[in-house]
Amino acid sequence: MSGHAAIAELAQTASKFRSSIVLQAENKYIDVKSILGLFTTLVGGKTYELHIHGPDAEQAKAEMLAVFAKHNLDVKLAE
């Protein structure tokens, strides 16, 4: 994974939205808008779950999934 570039792009993309965007990695929940949180969590080979709730959630889901895919990160949307 491209490390810094992926983290910066994820946080920047998340920050465009008013929705809450939270990444679940095993039993930890991280605010995707927090670069520091992402640094301590995004380690390769895990499956992540994305929780997105709010007024612009549909658009946020589409854009966030695109960024994860671009950086080859395995993520699925929580129901």
PDB file of N, CA and C in Angstrom:
ATOM      1  N   MET A   1       0.842  -1.197   0.000  1.00  0.00           N
ATOM      2  CA  MET A   1       0.000   0.000   0.000  1.00  0.00           C
ATOM      3  C   MET A   1       0.877   1.246   0.000  1.00  0.00           C
ATOM      4  N   SER A   2       0.380   2.301  -0.563  1.00  0.00           N
ATOM      5  CA  SER A   2       1.201   3.486  -0.738  1.00  0.00           C
ATOM      6  C   SER A   2       1.252   4.377   0.497  1.00  0.00           C
ATOM      7  N   GLY A   3       0.790   3.866   1.607  1.00  0.00           N
ATOM      8  CA  GLY A   3       0.983   4.554   2.880  1.00  0.00           C
ATOM      9  C   GLY A   3       0.457   5.972   2.940  1.00  0.00           C
ATOM     10  N   HIS A   4       1.397   6.921   3.002  1.00  0.00           N
ATOM     11  CA  HIS A   4       1.051   8.332   3.194  1.00  0.00           C
ATOM     12  C   HIS A   4       0.041   8.838   2.175  1.00  0.00           C
ATOM     13  N   ALA A   5       0.237   8.481   0.916  1.00  0.00           N
ATOM     14  CA  ALA A   5      -0.655   8.977  -0.130  1.00  0.00           C
ATOM     15  C   ALA A   5      -2.079   8.487   0.099  1.00  0.00           C
ATOM     16  N   ALA A   6      -2.222   7.223   0.453  1.00  0.00           N
ATOM     17  CA  ALA A   6      -3.549   6.661   0.680  1.00  0.00           C
ATOM     18  C   ALA A   6      -4.212   7.342   1.869  1.00  0.00           C
ATOM     19  N   ILE A   7      -3.460   7.499   2.959  1.00  0.00           N
ATOM     20  CA  ILE A   7      -4.018   8.099   4.169  1.00  0.00           C
ATOM     21  C   ILE A   7      -4.448   9.536   3.910  1.00  0.00           C
ATOM     22  N   ALA A   8      -3.586  10.299   3.243  1.00  0.00           N
ATOM     23  CA  ALA A   8      -3.914  11.696   2.953  1.00  0.00           C
ATOM     24  C   ALA A   8      -5.163  11.789   2.089  1.00  0.00           C
ATOM     25  N   GLU A   9      -5.240  10.929   1.077  1.00  0.00           N
ATOM     26  CA  GLU A   9      -6.391  10.996   0.168  1.00  0.00           C
ATOM     27  C   GLU A   9      -7.676  10.556   0.861  1.00  0.00           C
ATOM     28  N   LEU A  10      -7.588   9.520   1.701  1.00  0.00           N
ATOM     29  CA  LEU A  10      -8.783   9.073   2.434  1.00  0.00           C
ATOM     30  C   LEU A  10      -9.295  10.176   3.352  1.00  0.00           C
ATOM     31  N   ALA A  11      -8.398  10.793   4.104  1.00  0.00           N
ATOM     32  CA  ALA A  11      -8.807  11.838   5.048  1.00  0.00           C
ATOM     33  C   ALA A  11      -9.365  13.056   4.308  1.00  0.00           C
ATOM     34  N   GLN A  12      -8.708  13.424   3.209  1.00  0.00           N
ATOM     35  CA  GLN A  12      -9.176  14.582   2.425  1.00  0.00           C
ATOM     36  C   GLN A  12     -10.558  14.323   1.848  1.00  0.00           C
ATOM     37  N   THR A  13     -10.739  13.126   1.320  1.00  0.00           N
ATOM     38  CA  THR A  13     -12.027  12.785   0.721  1.00  0.00           C
ATOM     39  C   THR A  13     -13.113  12.766   1.789  1.00  0.00           C
ATOM     40  N   ALA A  14     -12.829  12.144   2.919  1.00  0.00           N
ATOM     41  CA  ALA A  14     -13.812  12.059   4.001  1.00  0.00           C
ATOM     42  C   ALA A  14     -14.200  13.446   4.501  1.00  0.00           C
ATOM     43  N   SER A  15     -13.235  14.345   4.528  1.00  0.00           N
ATOM     44  CA  SER A  15     -13.476  15.682   5.077  1.00  0.00           C
ATOM     45  C   SER A  15     -14.399  16.532   4.207  1.00  0.00           C
ATOM     46  N   LYS A  16     -14.600  16.113   2.957  1.00  0.00           N
ATOM     47  CA  LYS A  16     -15.503  16.863   2.081  1.00  0.00           C
ATOM     48  C   LYS A  16     -16.965  16.655   2.470  1.00  0.00           C
ATOM     49  N   PHE A  17     -17.232  15.607   3.233  1.00  0.00           N
ATOM     50  CA  PHE A  17     -18.617  15.231   3.512  1.00  0.00           C
ATOM     51  C   PHE A  17     -19.022  15.585   4.939  1.00  0.00           C
ATOM     52  N   ARG A  18     -20.317  15.867   5.103  1.00  0.00           N
ATOM     53  CA  ARG A  18     -20.841  16.144   6.440  1.00  0.00           C
ATOM     54  C   ARG A  18     -21.135  14.848   7.190  1.00  0.00           C
ATOM     55  N   SER A  19     -21.308  13.773   6.441  1.00  0.00           N
ATOM     56  CA  SER A  19     -21.618  12.487   7.059  1.00  0.00           C
ATOM     57  C   SER A  19     -20.500  12.033   7.994  1.00  0.00           C
ATOM     58  N   SER A  20     -20.896  11.231   8.971  1.00  0.00           N
ATOM     59  CA  SER A  20     -19.913  10.556   9.816  1.00  0.00           C
ATOM     60  C   SER A  20     -19.339   9.393   9.021  1.00  0.00           C
ATOM     61  N   ILE A  21     -18.011   9.311   8.944  1.00  0.00           N
ATOM     62  CA  ILE A  21     -17.348   8.252   8.183  1.00  0.00           C
ATOM     63  C   ILE A  21     -16.362   7.570   9.119  1.00  0.00           C
ATOM     64  N   VAL A  22     -16.705   6.350   9.489  1.00  0.00           N
ATOM     65  CA  VAL A  22     -15.920   5.632  10.494  1.00  0.00           C
ATOM     66  C   VAL A  22     -15.444   4.310   9.911  1.00  0.00           C
ATOM     67  N   LEU A  23     -14.180   4.014  10.146  1.00  0.00           N
ATOM     68  CA  LEU A  23     -13.590   2.769   9.674  1.00  0.00           C
ATOM     69  C   LEU A  23     -13.455   1.814  10.849  1.00  0.00           C
ATOM     70  N   GLN A  24     -13.990   0.604  10.669  1.00  0.00           N
ATOM     71  CA  GLN A  24     -13.849  -0.411  11.704  1.00  0.00           C
ATOM     72  C   GLN A  24     -12.770  -1.397  11.270  1.00  0.00           C
ATOM     73  N   ALA A  25     -11.756  -1.548  12.097  1.00  0.00           N
ATOM     74  CA  ALA A  25     -10.694  -2.523  11.859  1.00  0.00           C
ATOM     75  C   ALA A  25     -10.683  -3.440  13.064  1.00  0.00           C
ATOM     76  N   GLU A  26     -11.153  -4.663  12.871  1.00  0.00           N
ATOM     77  CA  GLU A  26     -11.362  -5.579  13.983  1.00  0.00           C
ATOM     78  C   GLU A  26     -12.251  -4.896  15.023  1.00  0.00           C
ATOM     79  N   ASN A  27     -11.743  -4.636  16.238  1.00  0.00           N
ATOM     80  CA  ASN A  27     -12.646  -4.042  17.230  1.00  0.00           C
ATOM     81  C   ASN A  27     -12.354  -2.572  17.485  1.00  0.00           C
ATOM     82  N   LYS A  28     -11.626  -1.949  16.552  1.00  0.00           N
ATOM     83  CA  LYS A  28     -11.337  -0.523  16.697  1.00  0.00           C
ATOM     84  C   LYS A  28     -12.153   0.284  15.706  1.00  0.00           C
ATOM     85  N   TYR A  29     -12.584   1.449  16.152  1.00  0.00           N
ATOM     86  CA  TYR A  29     -13.342   2.353  15.286  1.00  0.00           C
ATOM     87  C   TYR A  29     -12.564   3.642  15.127  1.00  0.00           C
ATOM     88  N   ILE A  30     -12.322   4.051  13.882  1.00  0.00           N
ATOM     89  CA  ILE A  30     -11.487   5.217  13.617  1.00  0.00           C
ATOM     90  C   ILE A  30     -12.231   6.204  12.738  1.00  0.00           C
ATOM     91  N   ASP A  31     -12.186   7.467  13.125  1.00  0.00           N
ATOM     92  CA  ASP A  31     -12.759   8.524  12.296  1.00  0.00           C
ATOM     93  C   ASP A  31     -11.854   8.708  11.078  1.00  0.00           C
ATOM     94  N   VAL A  32     -12.395   8.485   9.898  1.00  0.00           N
ATOM     95  CA  VAL A  32     -11.572   8.544   8.687  1.00  0.00           C
ATOM     96  C   VAL A  32     -11.066   9.973   8.426  1.00  0.00           C
ATOM     97  N   LYS A  33     -11.715  10.961   9.042  1.00  0.00           N
ATOM     98  CA  LYS A  33     -11.259  12.344   8.865  1.00  0.00           C
ATOM     99  C   LYS A  33     -10.001  12.623   9.678  1.00  0.00           C
ATOM    100  N   SER A  34      -9.632  11.694  10.554  1.00  0.00           N
ATOM    101  CA  SER A  34      -8.456  11.851  11.405  1.00  0.00           C
ATOM    102  C   SER A  34      -7.249  11.149  10.798  1.00  0.00           C
ATOM    103  N   ILE A  35      -6.289  11.934  10.298  1.00  0.00           N
ATOM    104  CA  ILE A  35      -5.097  11.351   9.678  1.00  0.00           C
ATOM    105  C   ILE A  35      -4.330  10.510  10.699  1.00  0.00           C
ATOM    106  N   LEU A  36      -4.237  11.005  11.933  1.00  0.00           N
ATOM    107  CA  LEU A  36      -3.516  10.275  12.973  1.00  0.00           C
ATOM    108  C   LEU A  36      -4.160   8.914  13.234  1.00  0.00           C
ATOM    109  N   GLY A  37      -5.482   8.888  13.313  1.00  0.00           N
ATOM    110  CA  GLY A  37      -6.188   7.632  13.525  1.00  0.00           C
ATOM    111  C   GLY A  37      -5.907   6.638  12.411  1.00  0.00           C
ATOM    112  N   LEU A  38      -5.879   7.134  11.178  1.00  0.00           N
ATOM    113  CA  LEU A  38      -5.625   6.255  10.040  1.00  0.00           C
ATOM    114  C   LEU A  38      -4.203   5.694  10.084  1.00  0.00           C
ATOM    115  N   PHE A  39      -3.249   6.533  10.466  1.00  0.00           N
ATOM    116  CA  PHE A  39      -1.853   6.080  10.516  1.00  0.00           C
ATOM    117  C   PHE A  39      -1.697   4.881  11.429  1.00  0.00           C
ATOM    118  N   THR A  40      -2.397   4.898  12.570  1.00  0.00           N
ATOM    119  CA  THR A  40      -2.207   3.825  13.541  1.00  0.00           C
ATOM    120  C   THR A  40      -3.014   2.585  13.176  1.00  0.00           C
ATOM    121  N   THR A  41      -3.910   2.712  12.204  1.00  0.00           N
ATOM    122  CA  THR A  41      -4.834   1.620  11.915  1.00  0.00           C
ATOM    123  C   THR A  41      -4.607   0.943  10.577  1.00  0.00           C
ATOM    124  N   LEU A  42      -4.249   1.724   9.557  1.00  0.00           N
ATOM    125  CA  LEU A  42      -4.163   1.171   8.216  1.00  0.00           C
ATOM    126  C   LEU A  42      -2.881   0.370   8.048  1.00  0.00           C
ATOM    127  N   VAL A  43      -2.936  -0.870   8.447  1.00  0.00           N
ATOM    128  CA  VAL A  43      -1.808  -1.767   8.204  1.00  0.00           C
ATOM    129  C   VAL A  43      -2.295  -2.849   7.267  1.00  0.00           C
ATOM    130  N   GLY A  44      -1.436  -3.258   6.369  1.00  0.00           N
ATOM    131  CA  GLY A  44      -1.850  -4.119   5.275  1.00  0.00           C
ATOM    132  C   GLY A  44      -2.464  -5.441   5.704  1.00  0.00           C
ATOM    133  N   GLY A  45      -3.260  -5.984   4.829  1.00  0.00           N
ATOM    134  CA  GLY A  45      -3.756  -7.336   5.007  1.00  0.00           C
ATOM    135  C   GLY A  45      -4.979  -7.477   5.880  1.00  0.00           C
ATOM    136  N   LYS A  46      -5.551  -6.365   6.305  1.00  0.00           N
ATOM    137  CA  LYS A  46      -6.778  -6.464   7.098  1.00  0.00           C
ATOM    138  C   LYS A  46      -7.972  -6.167   6.220  1.00  0.00           C
ATOM    139  N   THR A  47      -9.112  -6.649   6.662  1.00  0.00           N
ATOM    140  CA  THR A  47     -10.349  -6.264   6.010  1.00  0.00           C
ATOM    141  C   THR A  47     -11.005  -5.203   6.882  1.00  0.00           C
ATOM    142  N   TYR A  48     -11.399  -4.140   6.260  1.00  0.00           N
ATOM    143  CA  TYR A  48     -11.997  -3.032   6.982  1.00  0.00           C
ATOM    144  C   TYR A  48     -13.469  -2.928   6.648  1.00  0.00           C
ATOM    145  N   GLU A  49     -14.215  -2.364   7.603  1.00  0.00           N
ATOM    146  CA  GLU A  49     -15.617  -2.118   7.367  1.00  0.00           C
ATOM    147  C   GLU A  49     -15.856  -0.626   7.498  1.00  0.00           C
ATOM    148  N   LEU A  50     -16.595  -0.082   6.553  1.00  0.00           N
ATOM    149  CA  LEU A  50     -16.833   1.353   6.519  1.00  0.00           C
ATOM    150  C   LEU A  50     -18.263   1.643   6.968  1.00  0.00           C
ATOM    151  N   HIS A  51     -18.380   2.502   7.969  1.00  0.00           N
ATOM    152  CA  HIS A  51     -19.693   2.910   8.477  1.00  0.00           C
ATOM    153  C   HIS A  51     -19.893   4.375   8.101  1.00  0.00           C
ATOM    154  N   ILE A  52     -20.900   4.642   7.248  1.00  0.00           N
ATOM    155  CA  ILE A  52     -21.140   6.008   6.785  1.00  0.00           C
ATOM    156  C   ILE A  52     -22.605   6.365   7.015  1.00  0.00           C
ATOM    157  N   HIS A  53     -22.809   7.419   7.804  1.00  0.00           N
ATOM    158  CA  HIS A  53     -24.179   7.841   8.112  1.00  0.00           C
ATOM    159  C   HIS A  53     -24.253   9.357   8.055  1.00  0.00           C
ATOM    160  N   GLY A  54     -25.288   9.874   7.412  1.00  0.00           N
ATOM    161  CA  GLY A  54     -25.466  11.318   7.375  1.00  0.00           C
ATOM    162  C   GLY A  54     -26.161  11.774   6.114  1.00  0.00           C
ATOM    163  N   PRO A  55     -26.273  13.100   5.971  1.00  0.00           N
ATOM    164  CA  PRO A  55     -27.068  13.677   4.883  1.00  0.00           C
ATOM    165  C   PRO A  55     -26.514  13.408   3.491  1.00  0.00           C
ATOM    166  N   ASP A  56     -25.183  13.236   3.378  1.00  0.00           N
ATOM    167  CA  ASP A  56     -24.618  12.996   2.051  1.00  0.00           C
ATOM    168  C   ASP A  56     -23.959  11.609   1.990  1.00  0.00           C
ATOM    169  N   ALA A  57     -24.543  10.672   2.725  1.00  0.00           N
ATOM    170  CA  ALA A  57     -23.942   9.341   2.858  1.00  0.00           C
ATOM    171  C   ALA A  57     -23.780   8.614   1.520  1.00  0.00           C
ATOM    172  N   GLU A  58     -24.773   8.716   0.642  1.00  0.00           N
ATOM    173  CA  GLU A  58     -24.694   7.954  -0.613  1.00  0.00           C
ATOM    174  C   GLU A  58     -23.499   8.385  -1.448  1.00  0.00           C
ATOM    175  N   GLN A  59     -23.302   9.688  -1.562  1.00  0.00           N
ATOM    176  CA  GLN A  59     -22.177  10.200  -2.338  1.00  0.00           C
ATOM    177  C   GLN A  59     -20.859   9.870  -1.626  1.00  0.00           C
ATOM    178  N   ALA A  60     -20.869   9.982  -0.306  1.00  0.00           N
ATOM    179  CA  ALA A  60     -19.664   9.684   0.472  1.00  0.00           C
ATOM    180  C   ALA A  60     -19.261   8.226   0.278  1.00  0.00           C
ATOM    181  N   LYS A  61     -20.245   7.319   0.293  1.00  0.00           N
ATOM    182  CA  LYS A  61     -19.945   5.893   0.103  1.00  0.00           C
ATOM    183  C   LYS A  61     -19.253   5.664  -1.232  1.00  0.00           C
ATOM    184  N   ALA A  62     -19.812   6.245  -2.288  1.00  0.00           N
ATOM    185  CA  ALA A  62     -19.255   6.040  -3.629  1.00  0.00           C
ATOM    186  C   ALA A  62     -17.815   6.547  -3.700  1.00  0.00           C
ATOM    187  N   GLU A  63     -17.582   7.748  -3.184  1.00  0.00           N
ATOM    188  CA  GLU A  63     -16.234   8.325  -3.289  1.00  0.00           C
ATOM    189  C   GLU A  63     -15.241   7.607  -2.385  1.00  0.00           C
ATOM    190  N   MET A  64     -15.652   7.259  -1.192  1.00  0.00           N
ATOM    191  CA  MET A  64     -14.740   6.574  -0.273  1.00  0.00           C
ATOM    192  C   MET A  64     -14.354   5.201  -0.825  1.00  0.00           C
ATOM    193  N   LEU A  65     -15.331   4.466  -1.351  1.00  0.00           N
ATOM    194  CA  LEU A  65     -15.023   3.141  -1.907  1.00  0.00           C
ATOM    195  C   LEU A  65     -14.057   3.261  -3.080  1.00  0.00           C
ATOM    196  N   ALA A  66     -14.208   4.319  -3.878  1.00  0.00           N
ATOM    197  CA  ALA A  66     -13.310   4.521  -5.013  1.00  0.00           C
ATOM    198  C   ALA A  66     -11.875   4.752  -4.541  1.00  0.00           C
ATOM    199  N   VAL A  67     -11.709   5.516  -3.462  1.00  0.00           N
ATOM    200  CA  VAL A  67     -10.355   5.787  -2.953  1.00  0.00           C
ATOM    201  C   VAL A  67      -9.749   4.511  -2.367  1.00  0.00           C
ATOM    202  N   PHE A  68     -10.534   3.756  -1.609  1.00  0.00           N
ATOM    203  CA  PHE A  68     -10.021   2.490  -1.070  1.00  0.00           C
ATOM    204  C   PHE A  68      -9.586   1.559  -2.197  1.00  0.00           C
ATOM    205  N   ALA A  69     -10.411   1.467  -3.232  1.00  0.00           N
ATOM    206  CA  ALA A  69     -10.102   0.576  -4.352  1.00  0.00           C
ATOM    207  C   ALA A  69      -8.830   1.026  -5.067  1.00  0.00           C
ATOM    208  N   LYS A  70      -8.696   2.326  -5.263  1.00  0.00           N
ATOM    209  CA  LYS A  70      -7.541   2.888  -5.952  1.00  0.00           C
ATOM    210  C   LYS A  70      -6.242   2.493  -5.256  1.00  0.00           C
ATOM    211  N   HIS A  71      -6.288   2.415  -3.921  1.00  0.00           N
ATOM    212  CA  HIS A  71      -5.090   2.089  -3.143  1.00  0.00           C
ATOM    213  C   HIS A  71      -5.051   0.606  -2.746  1.00  0.00           C
ATOM    214  N   ASN A  72      -5.891  -0.184  -3.409  1.00  0.00           N
ATOM    215  CA  ASN A  72      -5.925  -1.640  -3.172  1.00  0.00           C
ATOM    216  C   ASN A  72      -6.169  -2.003  -1.712  1.00  0.00           C
ATOM    217  N   LEU A  73      -7.051  -1.262  -1.067  1.00  0.00           N
ATOM    218  CA  LEU A  73      -7.408  -1.585   0.310  1.00  0.00           C
ATOM    219  C   LEU A  73      -8.744  -2.313   0.294  1.00  0.00           C
ATOM    220  N   ASP A  74      -8.794  -3.384   1.030  1.00  0.00           N
ATOM    221  CA  ASP A  74      -9.991  -4.223   1.052  1.00  0.00           C
ATOM    222  C   ASP A  74     -10.972  -3.672   2.070  1.00  0.00           C
ATOM    223  N   VAL A  75     -12.079  -3.148   1.594  1.00  0.00           N
ATOM    224  CA  VAL A  75     -13.048  -2.574   2.524  1.00  0.00           C
ATOM    225  C   VAL A  75     -14.447  -3.000   2.100  1.00  0.00           C
ATOM    226  N   LYS A  76     -15.316  -3.156   3.065  1.00  0.00           N
ATOM    227  CA  LYS A  76     -16.717  -3.381   2.705  1.00  0.00           C
ATOM    228  C   LYS A  76     -17.596  -2.431   3.499  1.00  0.00           C
ATOM    229  N   LEU A  77     -18.737  -2.109   2.924  1.00  0.00           N
ATOM    230  CA  LEU A  77     -19.651  -1.204   3.582  1.00  0.00           C
ATOM    231  C   LEU A  77     -20.454  -1.955   4.623  1.00  0.00           C
ATOM    232  N   ALA A  78     -20.551  -1.372   5.800  1.00  0.00           N
ATOM    233  CA  ALA A  78     -21.399  -1.947   6.838  1.00  0.00           C
ATOM    234  C   ALA A  78     -22.849  -1.667   6.452  1.00  0.00           C
ATOM    235  N   GLU A  79     -23.711  -2.584   6.781  1.00  0.00           N
ATOM    236  CA  GLU A  79     -25.134  -2.388   6.461  1.00  0.00           C
ATOM    237  C   GLU A  79     -25.749  -1.352   7.390  1.00  0.00           C
TER     238      GLU A  79
END
